[in-house]
């Protein structure tokens, strides 16, 4: 998981859209599923994100780029990401 997800959740918490911290959500998911924070070098992620002109949201760019660097599945409900990232999944 991109570390950017933790920051985005924390920002969502600050505006009242979620009620748990990103770190707490991550720890719970890690405990249940073995999820880990990616340690991909940030410069590599930013290079990949630069090509994602279909979104102007910096969080989406970095989160999708992190997944794309690895060809990984990205679990998201965001329809824009589903339209542009072939490995997006929501069940």
C-alpha atoms as a PDB file:
ATOM      1  CA  UNK A   1       0.000   0.000   0.000  1.00  0.00           C
ATOM      2  CA  UNK A   2       1.225   3.464  -0.825  1.00  0.00           C
ATOM      3  CA  UNK A   3       2.129   5.467   2.288  1.00  0.00           C
ATOM      4  CA  UNK A   4       0.144   8.264   0.626  1.00  0.00           C
ATOM      5  CA  UNK A   5      -3.036   6.365   1.561  1.00  0.00           C
ATOM      6  CA  UNK A   6      -2.293   6.902   5.264  1.00  0.00           C
ATOM      7  CA  UNK A   7      -1.907  10.651   4.696  1.00  0.00           C
ATOM      8  CA  UNK A   8      -5.069  10.872   2.589  1.00  0.00           C
ATOM      9  CA  UNK A   9      -7.080   9.080   5.278  1.00  0.00           C
ATOM     10  CA  UNK A  10      -5.688  11.427   7.929  1.00  0.00           C
ATOM     11  CA  UNK A  11      -6.757  14.436   5.856  1.00  0.00           C
ATOM     12  CA  UNK A  12     -10.201  12.880   5.396  1.00  0.00           C
ATOM     13  CA  UNK A  13     -10.379  12.443   9.164  1.00  0.00           C
ATOM     14  CA  UNK A  14      -9.547  16.115   9.699  1.00  0.00           C
ATOM     15  CA  UNK A  15     -12.564  17.134   7.593  1.00  0.00           C
ATOM     16  CA  UNK A  16     -14.877  14.572   9.192  1.00  0.00           C
ATOM     17  CA  UNK A  17     -15.216  12.091   6.311  1.00  0.00           C
ATOM     18  CA  UNK A  18     -13.727   9.194   8.323  1.00  0.00           C
ATOM     19  CA  UNK A  19     -13.319   8.685  12.051  1.00  0.00           C
ATOM     20  CA  UNK A  20     -10.167   6.587  12.400  1.00  0.00           C
ATOM     21  CA  UNK A  21      -6.590   7.598  11.669  1.00  0.00           C
ATOM     22  CA  UNK A  22      -4.835   6.287   8.595  1.00  0.00           C
ATOM     23  CA  UNK A  23      -2.266   4.539  10.778  1.00  0.00           C
ATOM     24  CA  UNK A  24      -4.957   2.776  12.805  1.00  0.00           C
ATOM     25  CA  UNK A  25      -6.786   1.667   9.637  1.00  0.00           C
ATOM     26  CA  UNK A  26      -3.536   0.446   8.128  1.00  0.00           C
ATOM     27  CA  UNK A  27      -2.589  -1.522  11.242  1.00  0.00           C
ATOM     28  CA  UNK A  28      -5.990  -3.232  11.325  1.00  0.00           C
ATOM     29  CA  UNK A  29      -5.799  -4.132   7.617  1.00  0.00           C
ATOM     30  CA  UNK A  30      -2.209  -5.329   8.024  1.00  0.00           C
ATOM     31  CA  UNK A  31      -3.241  -7.556  10.912  1.00  0.00           C
ATOM     32  CA  UNK A  32      -6.165  -9.030   8.955  1.00  0.00           C
ATOM     33  CA  UNK A  33      -4.588  -9.373   5.527  1.00  0.00           C
ATOM     34  CA  UNK A  34      -0.822  -9.008   5.725  1.00  0.00           C
ATOM     35  CA  UNK A  35      -0.983  -5.645   3.950  1.00  0.00           C
ATOM     36  CA  UNK A  36       2.318  -3.741   4.028  1.00  0.00           C
ATOM     37  CA  UNK A  37       3.421  -0.189   3.294  1.00  0.00           C
ATOM     38  CA  UNK A  38       5.405   0.031   0.072  1.00  0.00           C
ATOM     39  CA  UNK A  39       9.032   1.063   0.318  1.00  0.00           C
ATOM     40  CA  UNK A  40       9.396   1.968  -3.352  1.00  0.00           C
ATOM     41  CA  UNK A  41      11.694   4.987  -3.705  1.00  0.00           C
ATOM     42  CA  UNK A  42       9.575   8.143  -3.866  1.00  0.00           C
ATOM     43  CA  UNK A  43      11.422   9.425  -6.948  1.00  0.00           C
ATOM     44  CA  UNK A  44      10.363   6.288  -8.857  1.00  0.00           C
ATOM     45  CA  UNK A  45       6.731   6.793  -7.846  1.00  0.00           C
ATOM     46  CA  UNK A  46       6.782  10.486  -8.802  1.00  0.00           C
ATOM     47  CA  UNK A  47       8.293   9.657 -12.194  1.00  0.00           C
ATOM     48  CA  UNK A  48       5.432   7.210 -12.830  1.00  0.00           C
ATOM     49  CA  UNK A  49       2.844   9.684 -11.466  1.00  0.00           C
ATOM     50  CA  UNK A  50       4.004  12.373 -13.906  1.00  0.00           C
ATOM     51  CA  UNK A  51       2.526  10.353 -16.762  1.00  0.00           C
ATOM     52  CA  UNK A  52      -0.940  10.127 -15.180  1.00  0.00           C
ATOM     53  CA  UNK A  53      -2.462  13.221 -16.746  1.00  0.00           C
ATOM     54  CA  UNK A  54      -6.013  11.815 -16.522  1.00  0.00           C
ATOM     55  CA  UNK A  55      -6.277  13.123 -12.954  1.00  0.00           C
ATOM     56  CA  UNK A  56      -5.261  16.367 -11.303  1.00  0.00           C
ATOM     57  CA  UNK A  57      -5.612  14.886  -7.814  1.00  0.00           C
ATOM     58  CA  UNK A  58      -2.067  14.450  -6.427  1.00  0.00           C
ATOM     59  CA  UNK A  59      -3.168  11.714  -4.034  1.00  0.00           C
ATOM     60  CA  UNK A  60      -4.719   9.671  -6.841  1.00  0.00           C
ATOM     61  CA  UNK A  61      -1.651  10.161  -9.019  1.00  0.00           C
ATOM     62  CA  UNK A  62       0.757   8.948  -6.364  1.00  0.00           C
ATOM     63  CA  UNK A  63      -1.423   6.092  -5.127  1.00  0.00           C
ATOM     64  CA  UNK A  64      -2.071   4.798  -8.653  1.00  0.00           C
ATOM     65  CA  UNK A  65       1.574   5.297  -9.628  1.00  0.00           C
ATOM     66  CA  UNK A  66       2.698   3.280  -6.611  1.00  0.00           C
ATOM     67  CA  UNK A  67       0.485   0.397  -7.719  1.00  0.00           C
ATOM     68  CA  UNK A  68       1.494   0.787 -11.372  1.00  0.00           C
ATOM     69  CA  UNK A  69       5.212   0.569 -10.591  1.00  0.00           C
ATOM     70  CA  UNK A  70       4.521  -2.958  -9.336  1.00  0.00           C
ATOM     71  CA  UNK A  71       1.658  -3.861 -11.684  1.00  0.00           C
ATOM     72  CA  UNK A  72      -0.323  -4.352  -8.487  1.00  0.00           C
ATOM     73  CA  UNK A  73      -4.035  -4.479  -7.877  1.00  0.00           C
ATOM     74  CA  UNK A  74      -5.426  -1.270  -6.411  1.00  0.00           C
ATOM     75  CA  UNK A  75      -8.548  -1.629  -4.292  1.00  0.00           C
ATOM     76  CA  UNK A  76     -10.616   1.510  -4.766  1.00  0.00           C
ATOM     77  CA  UNK A  77     -14.189   2.595  -5.240  1.00  0.00           C
ATOM     78  CA  UNK A  78     -13.128   5.638  -7.325  1.00  0.00           C
ATOM     79  CA  UNK A  79     -14.740   5.344 -10.790  1.00  0.00           C
ATOM     80  CA  UNK A  80     -12.122   7.600 -12.396  1.00  0.00           C
ATOM     81  CA  UNK A  81      -9.360   5.260 -11.286  1.00  0.00           C
ATOM     82  CA  UNK A  82     -11.368   2.279 -12.551  1.00  0.00           C
ATOM     83  CA  UNK A  83     -11.670   4.004 -15.928  1.00  0.00           C
ATOM     84  CA  UNK A  84      -7.911   4.542 -16.207  1.00  0.00           C
ATOM     85  CA  UNK A  85      -6.087   1.857 -14.227  1.00  0.00           C
ATOM     86  CA  UNK A  86      -6.649  -1.653 -15.498  1.00  0.00           C
ATOM     87  CA  UNK A  87      -5.786  -3.305 -12.177  1.00  0.00           C
ATOM     88  CA  UNK A  88      -8.347  -1.372 -10.121  1.00  0.00           C
ATOM     89  CA  UNK A  89     -10.685  -3.575  -8.100  1.00  0.00           C
ATOM     90  CA  UNK A  90     -13.710  -3.020  -5.894  1.00  0.00           C
ATOM     91  CA  UNK A  91     -15.760  -5.883  -4.487  1.00  0.00           C
END
